[in-house]
Protein backbone atom coordinates (compact mmCIF):
# COMPACT_ATOMS: atom_id res chain seq x y z
CA MET A 1 349.58 189.68 51.74
CA GLN A 2 350.60 193.07 53.58
CA ARG A 3 348.98 191.66 56.69
CA LEU A 4 351.00 188.26 56.33
CA PHE A 5 354.25 190.08 55.81
CA ALA A 6 353.68 192.31 58.85
CA VAL A 7 353.20 189.13 60.87
CA THR A 8 356.27 187.81 59.44
CA LEU A 9 358.23 190.83 60.51
CA ALA A 10 356.80 190.59 63.82
CA LEU A 11 357.34 186.93 64.35
CA ALA A 12 361.04 187.56 63.34
CA ALA A 13 361.31 190.31 65.84
CA ALA A 14 359.62 188.48 68.87
CA ALA A 15 361.08 184.90 68.39
CA PRO A 16 363.54 183.45 70.56
CA LEU A 17 367.17 183.41 69.28
CA CYS A 18 367.74 180.37 70.85
CA GLY A 19 366.87 177.87 68.10
CA GLN A 20 368.28 174.20 69.54
CA THR A 21 370.09 175.69 72.44
CA SER A 22 369.27 175.99 75.94
CA SER A 23 366.42 177.82 77.20
CA SER A 24 365.67 179.85 80.33
CA ASP A 25 361.95 179.25 80.63
CA VAL A 26 361.63 175.76 81.37
CA SER A 27 358.89 174.33 83.81
CA VAL A 28 357.76 171.10 84.92
CA GLY A 29 353.95 169.90 85.72
CA VAL A 30 353.27 168.71 89.34
CA PHE A 31 349.77 166.44 89.59
CA PRO A 32 349.36 165.54 93.54
CA PHE A 33 346.11 163.87 92.89
CA LEU A 34 348.11 161.34 90.69
CA VAL A 35 350.65 160.60 93.32
CA GLY A 36 349.53 160.82 96.54
CA ASN A 37 350.24 163.02 99.61
CA MET A 38 353.35 164.91 98.71
CA ASP A 39 353.63 167.22 101.69
CA GLY A 40 356.98 165.51 102.34
CA ARG A 41 358.31 166.04 98.90
CA VAL A 42 358.49 169.92 98.67
CA ASN A 43 362.21 169.91 99.29
CA GLU A 44 362.62 167.02 97.01
CA ILE A 45 360.72 169.07 94.20
CA VAL A 46 362.85 172.35 94.98
CA THR A 47 366.14 170.43 94.77
CA ASN A 48 365.25 168.69 91.52
CA CYS A 49 364.44 172.03 89.95
CA GLN A 50 367.51 173.78 91.20
CA THR A 51 370.03 170.58 89.86
CA TYR A 52 368.15 170.34 86.69
CA GLY A 53 367.59 174.13 85.69
CA ILE A 54 363.87 174.29 86.22
CA ASP A 55 362.41 177.57 86.65
CA THR A 56 358.88 177.01 87.27
CA VAL A 57 356.89 174.47 89.04
CA TYR A 58 352.91 174.04 87.77
CA VAL A 59 351.07 172.30 90.60
CA SER A 60 347.41 170.70 89.88
CA ALA A 61 345.55 172.62 92.60
CA PHE A 62 341.75 171.73 91.55
CA ARG A 63 340.23 169.80 89.14
CA THR A 64 336.48 169.99 88.08
CA THR A 65 334.23 166.72 88.47
CA GLY A 66 331.00 167.99 87.54
CA PRO A 67 328.60 171.02 87.02
CA LEU A 68 329.33 173.10 90.10
CA ALA A 69 331.73 170.25 91.47
CA GLY A 70 335.19 169.79 92.05
CA ASP A 71 337.93 168.67 93.97
CA LEU A 72 340.56 170.97 95.49
CA TRP A 73 343.66 169.15 95.89
CA VAL A 74 346.05 171.36 98.10
CA THR A 75 345.37 172.12 101.85
CA ASP A 76 342.86 174.66 102.32
CA SER A 77 345.28 177.32 103.81
CA ALA A 78 343.29 180.38 103.32
CA GLY A 79 340.71 178.63 105.65
CA ASP A 80 337.70 179.74 103.86
CA TRP A 81 337.23 177.00 101.30
CA ASN A 82 333.27 176.85 100.58
CA PRO A 83 332.26 172.70 101.39
CA ALA A 84 329.36 173.29 98.86
CA TRP A 85 332.11 173.69 96.10
CA GLY A 86 333.89 170.30 96.67
CA PRO A 87 335.74 168.22 99.01
CA VAL A 88 339.49 169.26 99.99
CA ARG A 89 341.98 166.40 99.40
CA PRO A 90 339.17 163.54 99.33
CA THR A 91 341.72 160.60 99.43
CA GLY A 92 344.62 162.40 101.40
CA ALA A 93 346.47 162.79 98.16
CA GLY A 94 347.50 166.30 97.47
CA ILE A 95 349.96 169.07 98.70
CA HIS A 96 350.62 172.19 101.16
CA LEU A 97 350.64 174.79 98.46
CA GLN A 98 351.61 177.47 101.06
CA ASN A 99 354.55 175.40 101.86
CA LEU A 100 355.61 174.74 98.27
CA ILE A 101 355.28 178.20 97.08
CA ALA A 102 357.52 179.41 100.34
CA ALA A 103 359.91 177.08 99.62
CA CYS A 104 360.46 177.54 95.99
CA HIS A 105 360.37 181.34 96.29
CA SER A 106 363.36 181.11 98.77
CA ALA A 107 365.15 179.34 95.70
CA ASP A 108 363.91 181.54 93.17
CA ILE A 109 361.72 179.06 91.63
CA ARG A 110 358.26 180.16 90.35
CA VAL A 111 354.72 178.46 90.96
CA VAL A 112 351.60 178.35 89.15
CA ALA A 113 348.59 176.87 89.92
CA VAL A 114 346.73 174.60 87.35
CA LEU A 115 342.80 174.62 87.59
CA LYS A 116 340.99 172.03 85.47
CA CYS A 117 338.00 174.06 84.28
CA PHE A 118 335.70 171.80 82.44
CA ALA A 119 335.00 167.90 81.71
CA ASP A 120 332.66 165.68 79.47
CA THR A 121 330.09 166.29 82.05
CA VAL A 122 330.10 170.04 82.00
CA GLN A 123 331.05 172.49 79.10
CA PRO A 124 331.70 175.83 78.57
CA ASP A 125 328.27 176.75 77.60
CA ASN A 126 327.16 176.28 81.28
CA VAL A 127 326.89 179.70 82.85
CA ALA A 128 326.52 178.70 86.35
CA HIS A 129 329.79 176.57 86.06
CA ARG A 130 331.78 179.29 84.55
CA GLN A 131 330.63 181.47 87.52
CA TYR A 132 331.76 178.87 89.85
CA LEU A 133 334.94 178.61 88.63
CA LEU A 134 335.23 182.12 89.09
CA ASP A 135 334.56 181.82 92.75
CA VAL A 136 337.31 179.39 92.78
CA ILE A 137 339.61 181.42 91.04
CA ASP A 138 338.90 184.02 93.55
CA TYR A 139 339.63 181.44 96.47
CA PHE A 140 342.90 181.47 95.03
CA VAL A 141 343.82 185.10 94.47
CA ASP A 142 341.72 187.00 96.98
CA ALA A 143 342.98 185.31 100.29
CA TRP A 144 345.35 187.51 102.20
CA LEU A 145 347.70 187.13 105.23
CA PRO A 146 347.50 190.30 108.04
CA ASN A 147 350.55 191.37 106.87
CA GLY A 148 349.22 192.09 103.12
CA GLN A 149 350.97 188.92 101.48
CA PRO A 150 348.62 186.63 99.55
CA VAL A 151 348.14 183.22 101.00
CA TYR A 152 348.77 181.73 98.09
CA ASP A 153 351.57 183.74 96.53
CA LEU A 154 351.07 182.33 93.03
CA ASP A 155 353.26 183.48 90.09
CA GLY A 156 350.53 182.70 88.12
CA ILE A 157 347.48 180.56 87.07
CA ALA A 158 346.93 178.08 84.57
CA LEU A 159 343.74 177.13 82.98
CA ASP A 160 343.40 173.28 81.99
CA TYR A 161 340.52 171.66 79.87
CA VAL A 162 339.59 175.40 79.35
CA ARG A 163 337.68 174.12 76.24
CA TYR A 164 334.80 171.44 75.02
CA VAL A 165 335.58 168.16 76.24
CA GLY A 166 334.00 165.69 73.85
CA GLY A 167 330.74 168.09 73.40
CA THR A 168 328.55 169.34 70.66
CA ASN A 169 327.45 172.53 69.39
CA VAL A 170 330.97 174.27 70.22
CA GLN A 171 330.98 177.80 70.34
CA ALA A 172 334.23 179.42 71.05
CA THR A 173 332.97 182.53 72.02
CA ASN A 174 331.94 180.70 75.41
CA VAL A 175 335.68 179.62 76.15
CA THR A 176 337.12 183.05 75.00
CA ASN A 177 334.67 185.17 77.18
CA PHE A 178 335.50 182.91 80.31
CA VAL A 179 339.03 183.44 79.71
CA ARG A 180 338.41 186.92 79.34
CA ASP A 181 336.56 187.02 82.56
CA VAL A 182 339.35 185.17 84.52
CA ARG A 183 341.75 187.90 83.23
CA GLU A 184 339.42 190.26 85.11
CA HIS A 185 339.62 188.38 88.05
CA VAL A 186 343.26 187.71 88.32
CA GLY A 187 344.38 191.48 87.40
CA SER A 188 347.84 191.64 86.52
CA LEU A 189 348.93 188.14 87.67
CA SER A 190 350.15 186.14 84.94
CA LEU A 191 347.52 183.86 83.18
CA HIS A 192 348.37 180.63 81.42
CA ALA A 193 346.23 178.14 79.51
CA TYR A 194 346.93 174.91 78.15
CA LEU A 195 345.88 174.67 74.38
CA ILE A 196 344.79 171.46 72.50
CA ALA A 197 347.20 170.73 69.72
CA ASN A 198 345.41 167.71 68.56
CA ARG A 199 347.88 165.89 66.14
CA TYR A 200 345.13 164.77 63.80
CA THR A 201 344.17 168.39 63.15
CA PHE A 202 347.53 169.10 62.46
CA ASP A 203 348.66 166.51 60.38
CA GLY A 204 345.95 163.47 59.98
CA PRO A 205 345.08 161.38 58.45
CA VAL A 206 348.28 160.52 57.17
CA TYR A 207 350.36 161.92 59.67
CA ASN A 208 353.52 162.64 56.99
CA SER A 209 354.62 165.77 58.51
CA GLN A 210 352.74 167.65 55.62
CA PHE A 211 350.79 169.79 58.06
CA ALA A 212 347.70 171.62 57.45
CA SER A 213 347.83 175.41 56.89
CA TYR A 214 347.78 177.71 60.15
CA ALA A 215 344.07 178.79 58.93
CA ALA A 216 342.89 175.48 58.63
CA VAL A 217 344.51 174.24 62.15
CA ILE A 218 343.21 177.29 64.00
CA SER A 219 339.41 177.06 62.49
CA SER A 220 339.24 173.19 63.42
CA LEU A 221 340.26 173.81 66.92
CA ALA A 222 337.87 176.65 67.44
CA SER A 223 335.13 174.68 65.93
CA GLN A 224 335.91 171.22 67.59
CA PHE A 225 337.10 172.52 70.79
CA GLY A 226 336.03 175.90 71.13
CA GLN A 227 339.88 176.99 71.32
CA HIS A 228 340.46 180.13 69.12
CA TRP A 229 344.03 180.78 69.58
CA GLU A 230 343.98 184.28 68.20
CA GLN A 231 340.87 185.28 70.17
CA LEU A 232 342.49 184.00 73.28
CA ALA A 233 346.02 185.61 73.07
CA PRO A 234 344.80 188.97 73.94
CA TYR A 235 343.74 187.57 77.59
CA LEU A 236 346.88 185.14 78.08
CA ASP A 237 350.09 185.86 79.27
CA VAL A 238 351.60 182.53 78.20
CA LEU A 239 350.08 180.11 75.42
CA MET A 240 350.72 176.29 76.14
CA PRO A 241 350.32 174.04 73.37
CA MET A 242 349.88 170.32 74.53
CA ALA A 243 352.15 168.81 71.81
CA TYR A 244 352.52 165.29 73.24
CA SER A 245 354.87 163.09 71.03
CA ALA A 246 356.17 159.58 71.82
CA ASP A 247 357.30 156.25 70.21
CA GLY A 248 354.85 153.73 69.06
CA SER A 249 352.05 155.54 67.62
CA ILE A 250 351.67 158.28 65.12
CA TYR A 251 355.49 159.36 64.59
CA ASN A 252 358.12 156.88 65.00
CA THR A 253 361.19 159.08 63.98
CA TYR A 254 363.08 161.82 65.76
CA ALA A 255 362.26 164.23 62.62
CA GLY A 256 358.70 163.77 63.12
CA HIS A 257 358.51 164.17 66.69
CA GLN A 258 360.51 167.47 66.25
CA ALA A 259 358.29 168.66 63.52
CA TYR A 260 354.63 168.13 64.84
CA VAL A 261 356.18 169.96 68.32
CA ARG A 262 357.67 172.76 66.10
CA GLN A 263 354.60 173.24 64.10
CA ALA A 264 352.54 173.48 67.14
CA ALA A 265 355.10 175.93 68.71
CA SER A 266 355.25 178.04 65.37
CA TYR A 267 351.26 178.24 65.07
CA ALA A 268 350.91 179.67 68.71
CA ARG A 269 353.52 182.17 67.96
CA THR A 270 351.66 182.98 64.71
CA ALA A 271 348.44 183.43 66.56
CA CYS A 272 349.76 185.74 69.15
CA ALA A 273 351.33 187.90 65.90
CA PHE A 274 347.94 188.18 64.13
CA ALA A 275 346.10 189.00 67.44
CA GLY A 276 348.47 191.94 67.75
CA TYR A 277 350.49 190.36 70.75
CA PRO A 278 353.68 189.27 69.23
CA ASN A 279 355.62 189.02 72.77
CA ARG A 280 353.29 186.85 74.30
CA ARG A 281 355.10 183.65 75.91
CA VAL A 282 354.66 180.23 73.90
CA VAL A 283 355.64 177.12 76.08
CA PRO A 284 354.74 173.93 74.62
CA THR A 285 354.25 170.77 77.05
CA ILE A 286 355.98 167.89 75.96
CA LYS A 287 355.60 164.41 76.76
CA THR A 288 357.65 162.66 79.71
CA TYR A 289 355.69 159.73 80.64
CA THR A 290 354.76 156.72 78.75
CA GLY A 291 351.00 155.73 78.01
CA ASP A 292 348.17 155.66 75.60
CA GLY A 293 350.23 153.23 73.20
CA GLU A 294 353.27 155.71 73.30
CA THR A 295 356.73 155.11 74.99
CA THR A 296 358.58 158.04 75.81
CA THR A 297 362.40 158.02 75.17
CA THR A 298 365.29 160.40 75.60
CA GLN A 299 365.27 160.73 71.67
CA THR A 300 361.51 161.92 71.93
CA ILE A 301 361.95 164.19 74.72
CA GLU A 302 364.96 165.90 72.94
CA ALA A 303 362.87 165.88 69.63
CA SER A 304 360.05 167.45 71.19
CA ILE A 305 362.30 170.22 73.40
CA THR A 306 364.22 171.10 70.08
CA GLY A 307 361.00 171.26 67.96
CA ALA A 308 359.19 173.53 70.88
CA LEU A 309 362.33 176.18 70.56
CA LEU A 310 362.54 175.81 66.81
CA GLY A 311 359.10 176.45 66.22
CA GLY A 312 359.30 179.62 68.00
CA GLY A 313 358.59 178.59 71.74
CA ASN A 314 360.08 180.51 74.59
CA GLY A 315 360.74 177.42 76.43
CA TYR A 316 358.82 173.92 77.44
CA GLN A 317 357.30 172.23 80.12
CA SER A 318 357.74 168.73 81.04
CA PHE A 319 354.52 166.77 81.34
CA ARG A 320 354.72 165.23 84.29
CA TYR A 321 357.11 165.10 87.45
CA GLN A 322 356.30 161.88 88.93
CA PHE A 323 357.92 159.87 85.74
CA LEU A 324 360.80 161.96 85.85
CA VAL A 325 361.86 161.38 89.26
CA ASN A 326 361.72 157.67 88.49
CA THR A 327 363.67 158.39 84.98
CA PRO A 328 366.97 159.92 85.86
CA SER A 329 367.95 159.78 82.22
CA TRP A 330 364.91 161.96 81.31
CA TRP A 331 365.81 164.75 84.03
CA THR A 332 369.26 164.67 82.17
CA LYS A 333 368.04 165.43 78.50
CA MET A 334 365.83 168.38 79.98
CA GLN A 335 368.83 169.69 81.88
CA GLN A 336 370.58 169.64 78.46
CA PHE A 337 368.41 172.05 77.14
CA ALA A 338 367.78 174.24 79.89
CA VAL A 339 370.19 177.27 81.33
CA PRO A 340 371.60 176.24 84.65
CA GLY A 341 369.97 177.54 87.66
CA CYS A 342 366.67 179.43 88.18
CA ASN A 343 366.50 182.33 85.74
CA TRP A 344 363.56 184.75 86.39
CA PRO A 345 363.80 187.45 88.57
CA THR A 346 362.05 187.51 92.19
CA PRO A 347 359.55 190.31 92.91
CA LEU A 348 359.43 191.30 96.47
CA LEU A 349 357.33 194.36 97.32
CA ALA A 350 356.81 196.03 100.51
CA ALA A 351 353.43 198.17 100.94
CA THR A 352 352.43 199.85 103.66
CA ALA A 353 349.97 202.90 103.72
CA THR A 354 349.91 206.39 105.31
CA ARG A 355 345.98 207.55 105.06
CA LEU A 356 345.41 207.15 101.43
CA SER A 357 348.98 207.30 100.73
CA ARG A 358 350.58 203.87 99.75
CA ASN A 359 354.36 203.42 100.29
CA LEU A 360 355.80 200.87 97.74
CA ASP A 361 359.60 199.56 98.51
CA ALA A 362 360.57 197.22 95.62
CA THR A 363 364.26 197.52 96.55
CA ALA A 364 364.39 193.59 97.61
CA CYS A 365 363.61 192.63 94.05
CA ARG A 366 366.33 190.41 93.05
CA ASP A 367 367.78 188.21 90.15
CA VAL A 368 370.60 185.65 90.22
CA ASP A 369 371.72 186.66 86.78
CA GLN A 370 372.23 190.04 87.25
CA ALA A 371 372.20 192.92 89.94
CA ALA A 372 369.37 193.86 91.69
CA ALA A 373 369.68 197.54 90.71
CA THR A 374 369.72 196.91 86.87
CA LEU A 375 366.12 195.43 87.06
CA GLN A 376 363.23 197.18 85.77
CA VAL A 377 359.87 197.26 87.76
CA ARG A 378 356.74 198.85 87.34
CA TYR A 379 353.13 199.03 89.12
CA ASP A 380 349.92 198.36 88.71
CA HIS A 381 348.32 200.04 91.72
CA ASP A 382 344.66 198.54 91.65
CA ASN A 383 345.25 195.44 89.98
CA ASP A 384 343.21 196.32 87.02
CA GLY A 385 345.29 194.96 84.38
CA VAL A 386 346.41 198.03 83.50
CA PHE A 387 349.90 199.24 84.52
CA ASP A 388 350.24 202.83 86.02
CA SER A 389 353.74 203.37 85.85
CA ALA A 390 356.64 203.07 82.93
CA TRP A 391 359.22 200.44 83.60
CA GLN A 392 361.87 202.08 86.07
CA PRO A 393 364.57 200.73 88.31
CA PRO A 394 363.36 199.26 92.02
CA GLY A 395 363.32 202.05 94.21
CA VAL A 396 360.50 203.46 96.76
CA SER A 397 357.50 205.14 95.49
CA THR A 398 354.32 206.65 96.97
CA ASP A 399 350.90 206.04 95.50
CA LEU A 400 347.28 208.09 96.30
CA THR A 401 344.59 205.51 96.44
CA ARG A 402 341.11 206.77 95.09
CA HIS A 403 339.23 206.32 98.37
CA PRO A 404 339.82 204.17 101.89
CA GLY A 405 339.48 200.50 102.00
CA HIS A 406 341.55 197.30 100.73
CA TRP A 407 343.82 197.97 97.84
CA VAL A 408 345.79 195.20 95.63
CA THR A 409 349.06 196.62 94.24
CA THR A 410 350.85 194.24 91.63
CA ILE A 411 354.20 194.59 91.00
CA GLN A 412 356.28 193.32 87.57
CA VAL A 413 359.85 192.63 87.55
CA ARG A 414 361.62 192.25 84.16
CA ASP A 415 365.68 191.31 83.73
CA ASN A 416 367.76 191.59 80.78
CA ASP A 417 366.62 188.87 79.24
CA GLY A 418 363.19 190.18 78.87
CA HIS A 419 361.84 187.67 81.90
CA VAL A 420 358.62 188.94 83.77
CA SER A 421 357.58 188.02 87.15
CA THR A 422 354.69 189.40 89.03
CA ALA A 423 353.83 189.56 92.57
CA ARG A 424 350.79 190.95 94.55
CA ARG A 425 350.44 192.92 98.10
CA ARG A 426 347.27 194.31 99.51
CA VAL A 427 347.22 197.38 102.11
CA ASN A 428 344.64 199.07 103.77
CA ALA A 429 344.17 202.65 103.19
CA GLY A 430 343.23 204.44 106.09
CA SER A 431 340.54 206.89 106.94
CA ALA A 432 340.99 210.45 105.50
CA VAL A 433 338.07 212.34 107.35
CA THR A 434 338.13 213.35 111.06
CA LEU A 435 335.57 215.53 112.64
CA VAL A 436 336.41 217.50 116.06
CA PRO A 437 334.13 217.16 117.84
CA GLY A 438 331.66 214.72 116.11
CA TYR A 439 328.61 216.93 117.43
CA VAL A 440 327.44 220.18 117.71
CA GLY A 441 324.70 221.86 119.82
CA ALA A 442 321.63 222.81 118.27
CA THR A 443 320.80 225.32 120.94
CA SER A 444 324.22 226.69 121.92
CA GLY A 445 325.95 226.39 118.29
CA GLY A 446 329.55 225.84 118.09
CA ALA A 447 332.45 225.22 115.93
CA VAL A 448 333.68 221.83 114.20
CA GLN A 449 336.78 221.12 112.73
CA ILE A 450 336.70 219.07 109.59
CA GLN A 451 340.26 217.52 109.31
CA LEU A 452 341.42 216.00 106.26
CA ASP A 453 344.46 213.64 105.90
CA VAL A 454 345.36 211.91 102.56
CA GLY A 455 349.06 211.53 103.23
CA PRO A 456 352.11 212.97 101.36
CA ALA A 457 350.81 211.48 97.79
CA GLY A 458 348.14 214.07 97.98
CA ALA A 459 350.20 217.02 98.60
CA GLY A 460 349.21 220.22 96.45
CA ASN A 461 346.02 218.55 95.09
CA ILE A 462 342.65 220.28 95.33
CA TYR A 463 340.01 219.43 97.64
CA LEU A 464 336.15 220.20 98.11
CA VAL A 465 334.50 219.59 101.37
CA LEU A 466 330.89 217.80 100.60
CA ALA A 467 327.99 217.73 103.33
CA SER A 468 324.58 215.97 103.54
CA LEU A 469 321.57 215.55 105.63
CA SER A 470 320.45 212.74 103.49
CA GLY A 471 322.54 210.03 104.66
CA THR A 472 325.48 207.42 102.94
CA ALA A 473 323.33 205.22 100.59
CA PRO A 474 323.22 204.69 97.81
CA GLY A 475 325.38 207.54 97.65
CA PHE A 476 326.68 208.58 94.02
CA THR A 477 329.70 208.00 91.95
CA TRP A 478 331.85 210.86 91.35
CA GLN A 479 333.80 209.53 88.30
CA PRO A 480 334.39 205.97 87.39
CA GLY A 481 336.09 204.24 90.34
CA PHE A 482 335.64 207.10 92.81
CA PRO A 483 332.33 206.25 94.81
CA VAL A 484 331.17 208.53 97.21
CA PRO A 485 329.23 207.37 100.04
CA LEU A 486 326.92 210.66 100.39
CA ASN A 487 323.90 211.62 99.18
CA ILE A 488 323.34 214.88 97.43
CA ASP A 489 320.83 216.99 98.86
CA PHE A 490 319.91 220.71 99.57
CA VAL A 491 322.81 220.92 101.98
CA THR A 492 325.44 219.32 99.36
CA ASP A 493 324.53 222.07 97.17
CA ALA A 494 324.74 224.95 99.64
CA PHE A 495 328.11 223.97 100.69
CA VAL A 496 329.43 223.42 97.42
CA SER A 497 328.12 226.64 96.10
CA THR A 498 329.54 228.39 99.15
CA PRO A 499 332.67 226.27 100.19
CA ASN A 500 334.05 229.12 101.85
CA GLY A 501 331.29 231.67 103.52
CA ALA A 502 329.82 232.40 106.52
CA PHE A 503 329.32 228.83 108.06
CA LEU A 504 332.21 227.12 106.61
CA SER A 505 335.60 228.46 105.91
CA GLY A 506 338.34 226.23 104.39
CA GLY A 507 336.00 224.10 102.60
CA LEU A 508 337.78 224.59 99.25
CA GLY A 509 341.57 224.76 99.19
CA LEU A 510 344.76 222.57 98.79
CA PHE A 511 346.61 219.77 100.90
CA ASP A 512 349.80 220.88 102.27
CA ALA A 513 352.93 218.93 101.73
CA SER A 514 352.13 216.25 104.10
CA GLY A 515 348.60 216.02 102.55
CA HIS A 516 346.80 217.43 105.38
CA ALA A 517 344.04 220.26 105.18
CA GLY A 518 340.95 221.57 107.23
CA ALA A 519 337.84 223.22 107.19
CA THR A 520 335.76 224.91 109.91
CA LEU A 521 331.75 224.67 110.55
CA THR A 522 330.70 227.47 112.80
CA MET A 523 327.15 227.43 113.72
CA PRO A 524 325.59 230.27 115.38
CA PRO A 525 322.66 229.68 118.44
CA LEU A 526 319.32 228.00 117.59
CA LEU A 527 319.95 227.63 113.81
CA LEU A 528 319.87 224.09 114.18
CA GLN A 529 317.11 223.54 116.24
CA PRO A 530 314.71 222.17 113.40
CA PHE A 531 317.38 219.28 112.82
CA ILE A 532 317.64 218.24 116.65
CA TRP A 533 318.99 214.46 116.43
CA GLN A 534 319.84 214.61 112.98
CA THR A 535 323.04 213.76 111.47
CA VAL A 536 324.97 215.58 108.88
CA SER A 537 327.51 213.50 106.54
CA TRP A 538 331.09 214.87 105.75
CA ASN A 539 333.26 213.90 103.03
CA PHE A 540 335.46 215.47 99.98
CA LEU A 541 336.54 215.42 96.37
CA SER A 542 340.04 216.02 95.32
CA ILE A 543 341.41 216.38 92.11
CA ASP A 544 345.24 216.70 91.14
CA ALA A 545 346.83 219.70 89.42
CA LEU A 546 346.04 218.70 85.94
CA GLY A 547 342.16 218.91 86.91
CA GLN A 548 342.24 214.65 87.22
CA PRO A 549 340.15 212.95 89.99
CA ALA A 550 342.42 212.11 92.39
CA CYS A 551 340.88 210.80 95.41
CA VAL A 552 337.86 210.70 97.80
CA GLY A 553 337.35 210.47 101.60
CA ASP A 554 335.06 208.32 103.77
CA THR A 555 331.99 209.63 105.01
CA ARG A 556 331.81 211.02 108.69
CA PRO A 557 328.79 211.67 110.89
CA LEU A 558 328.10 215.01 112.91
CA VAL A 559 325.15 214.69 115.17
CA ILE A 560 323.05 217.59 116.04
CA LEU A 561 322.48 217.61 119.23
CA PRO A 562 319.66 219.58 121.22
């Protein structure tokens, strides 16, 4: 009873206050594989969204066709689609996704790619197919332009058919674990999922709007389709119950249509609250097409929309675009319950690197409904799904990467209505270690300058120089997330125990205000003769003022000449 009371309070706090009023979270599903070549209709899509208050376009980009097989329904702008995964736009149908994103973003419209995951020929218990799908996910989220912008600068990924499709031996853990794995691959990018909202499960077999209990519905959806809404909520940003209802079949009254969609939205909202995530977005998808013996009308659309909002939904999605285009009165009905314009903030991040220091500029973020300076931003510096900063006004900040290489930073922007938009940018953290010269004579000896440069974000941090005569592989992991390409041996131990001694000075110290530091290796004549033509590898570790790991460098070789 106490748990139910707590959830009730959470629902009250999280539920939108819109009731049957307009929503600023309105989307439409575009399915090019059902339409044909839509490359020439990008501007049409943008214009309709602007005209009717649509904030987000969901576009079908990939569809599973069988085990380890699927069709890519967008142009391969990344240029690295694996032909073994399936054909690209096999019938000529599809859309140039990169162009669609650019056009939508210029109009402050968001774009989410929809991926069909499973089919009646391949179920979620197929481990190999799940890995195949993760590779497809990576194709969409890990392709980059030279300027660090994603090839597909998506606002989110939506999973369709993320369930058992007419299968037996249904195990919900297979679906939940797959969605968890997708979350790991997309990091902080917004993750959405279409959820089965089977009317029979909710209200069968009599369909009198005396709905089954929440517990019974969730249990049935998990056992029949593998979608346990509570278990999925921790990994999803948006839950999208597929609450399709129109005249001619189960419900034939406005009240019946509305009650069903309202119940689907309410149970999704309850699942989020029970899972401990009451602020997850709930966006039911409603029927705007005629088929399966049912006829969509302006009244069934209105009933579905108001049901979605009355049930605690944040908004609603029209399913599907191509039928709206041919039925203007349906557009008008959606417009009636949509806040005019595109109401979500646009996240814009410029990211550059100075050695290991990233410079992040979020000052270009904008929102058509409020001044840019009043927005709030936060950063996930390594795109691991955990944000590393609190919400703060848009500005310029500097961050220290853990080691050289490519890094993806995710920014989220929040407006006064609680809308959160996400963008990702990739930067290359440069070399932090330089040896001058890159050799020393065994016979003559000499001095070598070991120059360290981590950039201004590392100013004041403590560093320790490392050396090894045993090479770089396999190396060692200093702390989780801090791999060091250097093998520990007797040379390492010697310099660590005496970082400022007879042979090495400045091996332990502080980075200056610019993130610079230096050590000097001094070798007397003849000492290194037993090691002629061998290589000494050099690197460093660094901690911050609190003693926490800050960064490591890239290993550089010093050759011992005769």
